[in-house]
Amino acid sequence: MKKEESILFSGGIKGAEAEFGANAERYGIEEVNFTFEGHSVVRQRGLRALNHDEMKHGDVSLEYVSRLMNRRFTTNQVIRKVLQSIWYQVNSGQEIYVIGEILDDKTVKGGTGWGAELAKLCNKPLYVFDQKLDSWFSWNQVDWLRLEKGNEPVISHIYFTGTGTRFLEENGRQAIAGLFERSFD
């Protein structure tokens, strides 16, 4: 795959998204970071501020998301906008890479989990690096499969999404660096 043709779709916020962006820049890969007015981002490269009408395309029932993910999402407008911008990230990428934590109910912790659930609903290749378990997992439409060392994911589509927790740990940082190294070196 040619890195010159590849595009990372992300959100540009601190943590995993900023690290995905830094790696894309290091490898000369274009990045698009979806955001909205008033959202605090750390990546300015490829920033794409969504307007009010565009945000409506990614709107979803918070009640539905809450039931799907077995947790309560508040009706706070910032949370709604975050979920709407995540829709753009997942919708734009052909495969999805997430840094976070897989919970017992097979969802991913936090707002990041909406991106993972949306990838499942859209039947997109989905990979999660679980920082607590220090391992990559892939979704096989039913369950998470742990990927053994030497069998970690490789980016195989030119349009890919990188997202995840704001609370990036060193093993998550290394997982992102390894993903880019395996894919583009």
N, C-alpha and C. Protein backbone atom coordinates (compact mmCIF):
# COMPACT_ATOMS: atom_id res chain seq x y z
N MET A 1 0.84 -1.18 0.00
CA MET A 1 0.00 0.00 0.00
C MET A 1 0.89 1.24 0.00
N LYS A 2 0.51 2.24 -0.75
CA LYS A 2 1.29 3.47 -0.85
C LYS A 2 0.84 4.48 0.19
N LYS A 3 1.79 4.90 1.02
CA LYS A 3 1.44 5.86 2.06
C LYS A 3 1.02 7.21 1.48
N GLU A 4 1.52 7.52 0.26
CA GLU A 4 1.15 8.78 -0.39
C GLU A 4 -0.33 8.84 -0.73
N GLU A 5 -0.98 7.70 -0.85
CA GLU A 5 -2.40 7.64 -1.18
C GLU A 5 -3.28 7.49 0.06
N SER A 6 -2.67 7.25 1.21
CA SER A 6 -3.41 6.95 2.43
C SER A 6 -3.89 8.21 3.14
N ILE A 7 -5.02 8.08 3.82
CA ILE A 7 -5.55 9.17 4.64
C ILE A 7 -6.02 8.60 5.98
N LEU A 8 -5.53 9.22 7.05
CA LEU A 8 -5.99 8.92 8.40
C LEU A 8 -7.16 9.84 8.73
N PHE A 9 -8.25 9.27 9.21
CA PHE A 9 -9.38 10.04 9.70
C PHE A 9 -9.40 9.92 11.21
N SER A 10 -9.48 11.05 11.90
CA SER A 10 -9.42 11.04 13.35
C SER A 10 -10.14 12.27 13.89
N GLY A 11 -9.86 12.58 15.17
CA GLY A 11 -10.52 13.71 15.80
C GLY A 11 -9.59 14.77 16.33
N GLY A 12 -8.29 14.47 16.39
CA GLY A 12 -7.30 15.46 16.78
C GLY A 12 -7.26 15.84 18.24
N ILE A 13 -7.97 15.11 19.11
CA ILE A 13 -7.92 15.48 20.53
C ILE A 13 -6.74 14.79 21.21
N LYS A 14 -6.43 15.24 22.42
CA LYS A 14 -5.27 14.70 23.15
C LYS A 14 -5.42 13.20 23.36
N GLY A 15 -4.31 12.53 23.50
CA GLY A 15 -4.32 11.09 23.74
C GLY A 15 -4.11 10.32 22.46
N ALA A 16 -4.91 9.28 22.28
CA ALA A 16 -4.73 8.36 21.14
C ALA A 16 -4.86 9.06 19.80
N GLU A 17 -5.84 9.95 19.66
CA GLU A 17 -6.04 10.61 18.37
C GLU A 17 -4.85 11.49 18.00
N ALA A 18 -4.31 12.22 18.95
CA ALA A 18 -3.13 13.04 18.69
C ALA A 18 -1.94 12.16 18.31
N GLU A 19 -1.83 11.01 18.94
CA GLU A 19 -0.72 10.09 18.63
C GLU A 19 -0.88 9.47 17.25
N PHE A 20 -2.10 9.10 16.87
CA PHE A 20 -2.34 8.62 15.51
C PHE A 20 -1.91 9.71 14.52
N GLY A 21 -2.29 10.95 14.79
CA GLY A 21 -1.95 12.07 13.90
C GLY A 21 -0.45 12.30 13.81
N ALA A 22 0.24 12.25 14.95
CA ALA A 22 1.69 12.45 14.96
C ALA A 22 2.39 11.38 14.12
N ASN A 23 1.91 10.14 14.21
CA ASN A 23 2.50 9.06 13.41
C ASN A 23 2.18 9.25 11.93
N ALA A 24 0.98 9.67 11.60
CA ALA A 24 0.63 9.92 10.21
C ALA A 24 1.55 11.00 9.64
N GLU A 25 1.75 12.06 10.39
CA GLU A 25 2.63 13.14 9.92
C GLU A 25 4.06 12.64 9.73
N ARG A 26 4.54 11.85 10.68
CA ARG A 26 5.90 11.30 10.61
C ARG A 26 6.09 10.46 9.34
N TYR A 27 5.05 9.74 8.93
CA TYR A 27 5.14 8.88 7.75
C TYR A 27 4.68 9.58 6.47
N GLY A 28 4.33 10.85 6.56
CA GLY A 28 3.91 11.59 5.37
C GLY A 28 2.53 11.21 4.88
N ILE A 29 1.68 10.79 5.80
CA ILE A 29 0.31 10.38 5.47
C ILE A 29 -0.63 11.55 5.76
N GLU A 30 -1.51 11.80 4.83
CA GLU A 30 -2.50 12.87 5.01
C GLU A 30 -3.40 12.52 6.19
N GLU A 31 -3.83 13.55 6.91
CA GLU A 31 -4.78 13.31 7.99
C GLU A 31 -5.92 14.31 7.92
N VAL A 32 -7.10 13.84 8.29
CA VAL A 32 -8.28 14.68 8.40
C VAL A 32 -8.79 14.51 9.82
N ASN A 33 -8.83 15.61 10.56
CA ASN A 33 -9.31 15.59 11.94
C ASN A 33 -10.64 16.33 12.02
N PHE A 34 -11.71 15.56 12.22
CA PHE A 34 -13.05 16.14 12.32
C PHE A 34 -13.25 16.76 13.69
N THR A 35 -13.75 17.97 13.70
CA THR A 35 -14.02 18.66 14.95
C THR A 35 -15.24 19.56 14.77
N PHE A 36 -15.56 20.30 15.79
CA PHE A 36 -16.70 21.22 15.75
C PHE A 36 -16.35 22.45 16.58
N GLU A 37 -17.07 23.51 16.36
CA GLU A 37 -16.80 24.77 17.05
C GLU A 37 -16.82 24.56 18.57
N GLY A 38 -15.76 25.04 19.23
CA GLY A 38 -15.68 24.96 20.68
C GLY A 38 -15.03 23.69 21.21
N HIS A 39 -14.69 22.75 20.33
CA HIS A 39 -14.06 21.50 20.76
C HIS A 39 -12.56 21.72 20.87
N SER A 40 -11.97 21.24 21.93
CA SER A 40 -10.55 21.43 22.18
C SER A 40 -9.73 20.34 21.49
N VAL A 41 -8.95 20.73 20.48
CA VAL A 41 -8.11 19.78 19.75
C VAL A 41 -6.65 20.16 19.93
N VAL A 42 -5.77 19.17 19.81
CA VAL A 42 -4.34 19.44 19.88
C VAL A 42 -3.67 19.31 18.51
N ARG A 43 -4.32 18.63 17.57
CA ARG A 43 -3.79 18.49 16.21
C ARG A 43 -4.45 19.54 15.32
N GLN A 44 -3.63 20.38 14.71
CA GLN A 44 -4.14 21.39 13.80
C GLN A 44 -4.02 20.93 12.34
N ARG A 45 -3.17 19.95 12.10
CA ARG A 45 -2.95 19.45 10.74
C ARG A 45 -4.21 18.73 10.26
N GLY A 46 -4.70 19.12 9.09
CA GLY A 46 -5.86 18.46 8.50
C GLY A 46 -7.15 18.70 9.24
N LEU A 47 -7.22 19.79 9.98
CA LEU A 47 -8.41 20.08 10.78
C LEU A 47 -9.61 20.37 9.87
N ARG A 48 -10.72 19.73 10.17
CA ARG A 48 -11.95 19.87 9.37
C ARG A 48 -13.09 20.15 10.34
N ALA A 49 -13.42 21.43 10.47
CA ALA A 49 -14.51 21.84 11.37
C ALA A 49 -15.85 21.59 10.68
N LEU A 50 -16.67 20.79 11.31
CA LEU A 50 -17.99 20.47 10.77
C LEU A 50 -18.99 21.57 11.14
N ASN A 51 -19.81 21.97 10.17
CA ASN A 51 -20.80 22.99 10.47
C ASN A 51 -22.08 22.34 11.04
N HIS A 52 -23.02 23.17 11.41
CA HIS A 52 -24.25 22.69 12.05
C HIS A 52 -24.99 21.65 11.19
N ASP A 53 -25.15 21.94 9.90
CA ASP A 53 -25.86 21.01 9.01
C ASP A 53 -25.11 19.68 8.87
N GLU A 54 -23.78 19.76 8.78
CA GLU A 54 -22.98 18.53 8.68
C GLU A 54 -23.10 17.70 9.95
N MET A 55 -23.11 18.35 11.09
CA MET A 55 -23.22 17.64 12.36
C MET A 55 -24.52 16.84 12.43
N LYS A 56 -25.58 17.37 11.84
CA LYS A 56 -26.87 16.66 11.86
C LYS A 56 -26.79 15.31 11.16
N HIS A 57 -25.90 15.18 10.16
CA HIS A 57 -25.75 13.88 9.46
C HIS A 57 -25.29 12.78 10.41
N GLY A 58 -24.52 13.15 11.41
CA GLY A 58 -24.00 12.17 12.36
C GLY A 58 -24.83 12.04 13.62
N ASP A 59 -26.01 12.66 13.63
CA ASP A 59 -26.83 12.63 14.83
C ASP A 59 -27.40 11.24 15.07
N VAL A 60 -27.54 10.90 16.31
CA VAL A 60 -28.05 9.59 16.70
C VAL A 60 -28.81 9.75 18.01
N SER A 61 -29.76 8.88 18.23
CA SER A 61 -30.52 8.89 19.48
C SER A 61 -29.60 8.50 20.64
N LEU A 62 -29.48 9.39 21.61
CA LEU A 62 -28.66 9.06 22.78
C LEU A 62 -29.26 7.91 23.56
N GLU A 63 -30.58 7.78 23.50
CA GLU A 63 -31.25 6.65 24.15
C GLU A 63 -30.82 5.34 23.49
N TYR A 64 -30.78 5.33 22.15
CA TYR A 64 -30.35 4.14 21.41
C TYR A 64 -28.89 3.79 21.74
N VAL A 65 -28.03 4.79 21.71
CA VAL A 65 -26.61 4.55 22.00
C VAL A 65 -26.46 4.04 23.43
N SER A 66 -27.20 4.62 24.36
CA SER A 66 -27.13 4.18 25.76
C SER A 66 -27.53 2.71 25.90
N ARG A 67 -28.62 2.30 25.24
CA ARG A 67 -29.07 0.90 25.31
C ARG A 67 -28.06 -0.03 24.64
N LEU A 68 -27.57 0.36 23.47
CA LEU A 68 -26.62 -0.45 22.71
C LEU A 68 -25.35 -0.71 23.50
N MET A 69 -24.92 0.30 24.24
CA MET A 69 -23.64 0.22 24.93
C MET A 69 -23.77 -0.06 26.43
N ASN A 70 -24.97 -0.30 26.88
CA ASN A 70 -25.20 -0.65 28.29
C ASN A 70 -24.67 0.41 29.26
N ARG A 71 -24.81 1.67 28.88
CA ARG A 71 -24.41 2.75 29.77
C ARG A 71 -25.24 3.98 29.43
N ARG A 72 -25.22 4.92 30.30
CA ARG A 72 -26.05 6.11 30.13
C ARG A 72 -25.23 7.25 29.54
N PHE A 73 -25.69 7.81 28.44
CA PHE A 73 -25.09 9.01 27.88
C PHE A 73 -26.02 10.18 28.21
N THR A 74 -25.45 11.25 28.72
CA THR A 74 -26.26 12.40 29.09
C THR A 74 -26.75 13.11 27.82
N THR A 75 -27.71 13.99 28.00
CA THR A 75 -28.23 14.76 26.87
C THR A 75 -27.42 16.03 26.65
N ASN A 76 -26.29 16.14 27.30
CA ASN A 76 -25.37 17.26 27.15
C ASN A 76 -25.03 17.46 25.67
N GLN A 77 -25.10 18.70 25.20
CA GLN A 77 -24.85 19.00 23.78
C GLN A 77 -23.42 18.70 23.35
N VAL A 78 -22.46 18.85 24.24
CA VAL A 78 -21.07 18.54 23.88
C VAL A 78 -20.92 17.04 23.61
N ILE A 79 -21.52 16.21 24.46
CA ILE A 79 -21.46 14.75 24.25
C ILE A 79 -22.12 14.41 22.92
N ARG A 80 -23.25 15.00 22.63
CA ARG A 80 -23.94 14.76 21.36
C ARG A 80 -23.02 15.12 20.19
N LYS A 81 -22.36 16.27 20.26
CA LYS A 81 -21.47 16.71 19.18
C LYS A 81 -20.25 15.78 19.05
N VAL A 82 -19.73 15.31 20.15
CA VAL A 82 -18.61 14.37 20.10
C VAL A 82 -19.05 13.11 19.35
N LEU A 83 -20.22 12.57 19.70
CA LEU A 83 -20.72 11.36 19.03
C LEU A 83 -20.97 11.63 17.54
N GLN A 84 -21.46 12.81 17.22
CA GLN A 84 -21.69 13.17 15.82
C GLN A 84 -20.37 13.23 15.05
N SER A 85 -19.33 13.79 15.65
CA SER A 85 -18.04 13.88 14.96
C SER A 85 -17.39 12.51 14.84
N ILE A 86 -17.63 11.63 15.80
CA ILE A 86 -17.13 10.25 15.70
C ILE A 86 -17.78 9.55 14.51
N TRP A 87 -19.04 9.86 14.24
CA TRP A 87 -19.72 9.28 13.08
C TRP A 87 -18.93 9.59 11.80
N TYR A 88 -18.44 10.81 11.67
CA TYR A 88 -17.65 11.19 10.49
C TYR A 88 -16.34 10.41 10.42
N GLN A 89 -15.70 10.23 11.56
CA GLN A 89 -14.44 9.47 11.57
C GLN A 89 -14.66 8.05 11.07
N VAL A 90 -15.66 7.39 11.64
CA VAL A 90 -15.91 5.97 11.31
C VAL A 90 -16.47 5.85 9.90
N ASN A 91 -17.36 6.74 9.52
CA ASN A 91 -17.96 6.69 8.20
C ASN A 91 -16.91 6.90 7.10
N SER A 92 -15.87 7.68 7.38
CA SER A 92 -14.85 8.00 6.38
C SER A 92 -13.82 6.90 6.21
N GLY A 93 -13.52 6.17 7.28
CA GLY A 93 -12.49 5.13 7.22
C GLY A 93 -13.04 3.80 6.73
N GLN A 94 -12.19 3.05 6.04
CA GLN A 94 -12.58 1.70 5.58
C GLN A 94 -12.24 0.64 6.61
N GLU A 95 -11.35 0.96 7.53
CA GLU A 95 -11.06 0.10 8.68
C GLU A 95 -10.77 0.99 9.87
N ILE A 96 -11.06 0.47 11.05
CA ILE A 96 -11.06 1.29 12.26
C ILE A 96 -10.08 0.72 13.28
N TYR A 97 -9.22 1.61 13.81
CA TYR A 97 -8.25 1.24 14.84
C TYR A 97 -8.53 2.08 16.08
N VAL A 98 -8.66 1.40 17.22
CA VAL A 98 -9.06 2.05 18.46
C VAL A 98 -8.07 1.69 19.56
N ILE A 99 -7.71 2.66 20.38
CA ILE A 99 -6.91 2.41 21.58
C ILE A 99 -7.82 2.64 22.77
N GLY A 100 -7.94 1.64 23.64
CA GLY A 100 -8.84 1.80 24.78
C GLY A 100 -8.87 0.57 25.65
N GLU A 101 -10.07 0.22 26.07
CA GLU A 101 -10.27 -0.94 26.95
C GLU A 101 -11.58 -1.63 26.59
N ILE A 102 -11.49 -2.93 26.33
CA ILE A 102 -12.69 -3.72 26.03
C ILE A 102 -13.32 -4.14 27.36
N LEU A 103 -14.60 -3.88 27.50
CA LEU A 103 -15.32 -4.22 28.72
C LEU A 103 -15.92 -5.63 28.62
N ASP A 104 -16.39 -6.13 29.74
CA ASP A 104 -16.95 -7.49 29.80
C ASP A 104 -18.15 -7.67 28.87
N ASP A 105 -18.90 -6.59 28.62
CA ASP A 105 -20.07 -6.70 27.74
C ASP A 105 -19.72 -6.57 26.25
N LYS A 106 -18.42 -6.62 25.95
CA LYS A 106 -17.88 -6.58 24.58
C LYS A 106 -17.91 -5.20 23.94
N THR A 107 -18.23 -4.16 24.72
CA THR A 107 -18.14 -2.79 24.22
C THR A 107 -16.79 -2.22 24.64
N VAL A 108 -16.47 -1.07 24.11
CA VAL A 108 -15.23 -0.38 24.47
C VAL A 108 -15.57 0.77 25.40
N LYS A 109 -14.78 0.96 26.40
CA LYS A 109 -15.01 1.96 27.44
C LYS A 109 -15.06 3.38 26.88
N GLY A 110 -15.95 4.20 27.45
CA GLY A 110 -16.01 5.62 27.16
C GLY A 110 -16.68 5.97 25.85
N GLY A 111 -16.57 7.24 25.48
CA GLY A 111 -17.13 7.73 24.22
C GLY A 111 -16.51 7.04 23.03
N THR A 112 -15.27 6.64 23.18
CA THR A 112 -14.57 5.88 22.14
C THR A 112 -15.38 4.64 21.75
N GLY A 113 -16.08 4.09 22.71
CA GLY A 113 -16.88 2.89 22.48
C GLY A 113 -17.93 3.09 21.39
N TRP A 114 -18.45 4.33 21.24
CA TRP A 114 -19.42 4.57 20.19
C TRP A 114 -18.79 4.36 18.82
N GLY A 115 -17.55 4.78 18.65
CA GLY A 115 -16.85 4.55 17.39
C GLY A 115 -16.73 3.07 17.08
N ALA A 116 -16.39 2.29 18.10
CA ALA A 116 -16.26 0.83 17.92
C ALA A 116 -17.62 0.22 17.59
N GLU A 117 -18.67 0.62 18.29
CA GLU A 117 -20.01 0.07 18.02
C GLU A 117 -20.49 0.45 16.63
N LEU A 118 -20.22 1.66 16.23
CA LEU A 118 -20.61 2.11 14.90
C LEU A 118 -19.86 1.30 13.83
N ALA A 119 -18.59 1.04 14.06
CA ALA A 119 -17.81 0.20 13.12
C ALA A 119 -18.43 -1.19 13.02
N LYS A 120 -18.87 -1.75 14.16
CA LYS A 120 -19.53 -3.06 14.15
C LYS A 120 -20.81 -3.00 13.32
N LEU A 121 -21.64 -1.96 13.58
CA LEU A 121 -22.91 -1.83 12.86
C LEU A 121 -22.70 -1.68 11.35
N CYS A 122 -21.61 -1.02 10.96
CA CYS A 122 -21.30 -0.80 9.54
C CYS A 122 -20.50 -1.95 8.94
N ASN A 123 -20.22 -2.96 9.76
CA ASN A 123 -19.48 -4.15 9.32
C ASN A 123 -18.11 -3.78 8.75
N LYS A 124 -17.42 -2.87 9.44
CA LYS A 124 -16.08 -2.46 9.02
C LYS A 124 -15.04 -3.24 9.83
N PRO A 125 -13.90 -3.56 9.21
CA PRO A 125 -12.83 -4.20 9.99
C PRO A 125 -12.50 -3.32 11.20
N LEU A 126 -12.46 -3.94 12.37
CA LEU A 126 -12.30 -3.21 13.63
C LEU A 126 -11.23 -3.87 14.48
N TYR A 127 -10.28 -3.05 14.94
CA TYR A 127 -9.19 -3.52 15.79
C TYR A 127 -9.10 -2.61 17.01
N VAL A 128 -8.96 -3.23 18.17
CA VAL A 128 -8.81 -2.46 19.41
C VAL A 128 -7.54 -2.92 20.11
N PHE A 129 -6.71 -1.95 20.50
CA PHE A 129 -5.59 -2.26 21.39
C PHE A 129 -6.09 -1.97 22.79
N ASP A 130 -6.19 -3.03 23.60
CA ASP A 130 -6.64 -2.91 24.98
C ASP A 130 -5.41 -2.63 25.84
N GLN A 131 -5.34 -1.41 26.39
CA GLN A 131 -4.17 -1.01 27.18
C GLN A 131 -4.02 -1.83 28.45
N LYS A 132 -5.14 -2.22 29.06
CA LYS A 132 -5.06 -3.01 30.30
C LYS A 132 -4.53 -4.41 30.03
N LEU A 133 -4.96 -5.00 28.90
CA LEU A 133 -4.53 -6.36 28.56
C LEU A 133 -3.27 -6.37 27.70
N ASP A 134 -2.82 -5.18 27.30
CA ASP A 134 -1.58 -5.01 26.52
C ASP A 134 -1.58 -5.88 25.27
N SER A 135 -2.70 -5.82 24.53
CA SER A 135 -2.82 -6.69 23.36
C SER A 135 -3.81 -6.10 22.36
N TRP A 136 -3.58 -6.42 21.07
CA TRP A 136 -4.52 -6.08 20.01
C TRP A 136 -5.61 -7.14 19.94
N PHE A 137 -6.82 -6.71 19.59
CA PHE A 137 -7.96 -7.60 19.39
C PHE A 137 -8.64 -7.21 18.08
N SER A 138 -9.23 -8.18 17.41
CA SER A 138 -10.05 -7.90 16.23
C SER A 138 -11.47 -8.39 16.49
N TRP A 139 -12.43 -7.72 15.90
CA TRP A 139 -13.84 -8.08 16.04
C TRP A 139 -14.21 -9.01 14.89
N ASN A 140 -14.79 -10.18 15.21
CA ASN A 140 -15.15 -11.15 14.16
C ASN A 140 -16.66 -11.24 13.94
N GLN A 141 -17.39 -10.18 14.24
CA GLN A 141 -18.85 -10.08 14.09
C GLN A 141 -19.61 -10.69 15.27
N VAL A 142 -18.90 -11.41 16.14
CA VAL A 142 -19.54 -12.04 17.30
C VAL A 142 -18.78 -11.75 18.59
N ASP A 143 -17.45 -11.75 18.50
CA ASP A 143 -16.62 -11.64 19.69
C ASP A 143 -15.27 -11.03 19.33
N TRP A 144 -14.54 -10.68 20.37
CA TRP A 144 -13.19 -10.16 20.21
C TRP A 144 -12.20 -11.32 20.17
N LEU A 145 -11.30 -11.30 19.20
CA LEU A 145 -10.24 -12.30 19.09
C LEU A 145 -8.92 -11.64 19.42
N ARG A 146 -8.22 -12.22 20.39
CA ARG A 146 -6.91 -11.68 20.76
C ARG A 146 -5.91 -12.02 19.66
N LEU A 147 -5.14 -11.03 19.23
CA LEU A 147 -4.14 -11.24 18.19
C LEU A 147 -2.78 -11.45 18.86
N GLU A 148 -2.17 -12.56 18.55
CA GLU A 148 -0.88 -12.90 19.15
C GLU A 148 0.22 -12.01 18.59
N LYS A 149 1.32 -11.89 19.36
CA LYS A 149 2.50 -11.16 18.89
C LYS A 149 2.91 -11.75 17.56
N GLY A 150 3.26 -10.89 16.63
CA GLY A 150 3.62 -11.34 15.29
C GLY A 150 2.42 -11.42 14.36
N ASN A 151 1.22 -11.30 14.93
CA ASN A 151 -0.01 -11.35 14.14
C ASN A 151 -0.86 -10.09 14.38
N GLU A 152 -0.17 -8.99 14.78
CA GLU A 152 -0.88 -7.74 15.04
C GLU A 152 -1.39 -7.15 13.73
N PRO A 153 -2.37 -6.25 13.80
CA PRO A 153 -2.97 -5.72 12.58
C PRO A 153 -1.99 -4.90 11.74
N VAL A 154 -2.30 -4.85 10.46
CA VAL A 154 -1.58 -4.04 9.49
C VAL A 154 -2.63 -3.25 8.72
N ILE A 155 -2.41 -1.97 8.56
CA ILE A 155 -3.34 -1.13 7.82
C ILE A 155 -3.35 -1.60 6.37
N SER A 156 -4.54 -1.95 5.88
CA SER A 156 -4.63 -2.51 4.53
C SER A 156 -5.53 -1.71 3.60
N HIS A 157 -6.17 -0.66 4.11
CA HIS A 157 -7.02 0.21 3.29
C HIS A 157 -6.42 1.61 3.28
N ILE A 158 -6.55 2.30 2.17
CA ILE A 158 -5.95 3.63 2.11
C ILE A 158 -6.68 4.64 2.99
N TYR A 159 -7.96 4.42 3.25
CA TYR A 159 -8.72 5.29 4.15
C TYR A 159 -8.94 4.54 5.46
N PHE A 160 -8.29 5.01 6.52
CA PHE A 160 -8.42 4.32 7.80
C PHE A 160 -8.65 5.33 8.92
N THR A 161 -9.29 4.84 9.98
CA THR A 161 -9.63 5.68 11.12
C THR A 161 -8.81 5.26 12.33
N GLY A 162 -8.26 6.25 13.02
CA GLY A 162 -7.53 6.02 14.27
C GLY A 162 -8.14 6.88 15.36
N THR A 163 -8.62 6.24 16.40
CA THR A 163 -9.29 6.96 17.48
C THR A 163 -9.00 6.26 18.80
N GLY A 164 -9.51 6.80 19.88
CA GLY A 164 -9.31 6.13 21.16
C GLY A 164 -9.33 7.06 22.35
N THR A 165 -8.87 6.51 23.43
CA THR A 165 -8.91 7.18 24.73
C THR A 165 -8.05 8.44 24.79
N ARG A 166 -8.49 9.37 25.60
CA ARG A 166 -7.66 10.55 25.89
C ARG A 166 -6.55 10.19 26.85
N PHE A 167 -6.72 9.06 27.55
CA PHE A 167 -5.77 8.66 28.58
C PHE A 167 -4.81 7.61 28.01
N LEU A 168 -3.99 8.04 27.08
CA LEU A 168 -3.06 7.15 26.39
C LEU A 168 -1.91 6.77 27.30
N GLU A 169 -1.66 5.47 27.40
CA GLU A 169 -0.54 4.96 28.18
C GLU A 169 0.61 4.63 27.24
N GLU A 170 1.77 4.35 27.80
CA GLU A 170 2.95 4.08 26.98
C GLU A 170 2.74 2.88 26.07
N ASN A 171 2.07 1.84 26.55
CA ASN A 171 1.86 0.67 25.67
C ASN A 171 0.91 1.01 24.52
N GLY A 172 -0.03 1.91 24.74
CA GLY A 172 -0.91 2.37 23.66
C GLY A 172 -0.13 3.17 22.64
N ARG A 173 0.77 4.00 23.12
CA ARG A 173 1.63 4.80 22.24
C ARG A 173 2.49 3.87 21.37
N GLN A 174 3.04 2.85 21.99
CA GLN A 174 3.87 1.87 21.26
C GLN A 174 3.02 1.07 20.27
N ALA A 175 1.78 0.76 20.65
CA ALA A 175 0.89 0.01 19.75
C ALA A 175 0.62 0.81 18.48
N ILE A 176 0.41 2.11 18.61
CA ILE A 176 0.18 2.96 17.45
C ILE A 176 1.44 3.03 16.59
N ALA A 177 2.58 3.26 17.22
CA ALA A 177 3.84 3.33 16.48
C ALA A 177 4.10 2.01 15.75
N GLY A 178 3.84 0.88 16.41
CA GLY A 178 4.03 -0.43 15.79
C GLY A 178 3.10 -0.65 14.61
N LEU A 179 1.86 -0.18 14.73
CA LEU A 179 0.89 -0.30 13.65
C LEU A 179 1.39 0.42 12.40
N PHE A 180 1.86 1.64 12.56
CA PHE A 180 2.39 2.41 11.43
C PHE A 180 3.66 1.77 10.87
N GLU A 181 4.52 1.30 11.75
CA GLU A 181 5.77 0.68 11.31
C GLU A 181 5.50 -0.58 10.48
N ARG A 182 4.60 -1.44 10.96
CA ARG A 182 4.27 -2.66 10.21
C ARG A 182 3.61 -2.34 8.88
N SER A 183 2.85 -1.25 8.85
CA SER A 183 2.05 -0.92 7.69
C SER A 183 2.79 -0.12 6.62
N PHE A 184 3.73 0.73 7.03
CA PHE A 184 4.29 1.68 6.07
C PHE A 184 5.81 1.64 5.95
N ASP A 185 6.51 0.80 6.68
CA ASP A 185 7.97 0.70 6.51
C ASP A 185 8.34 -0.25 5.39
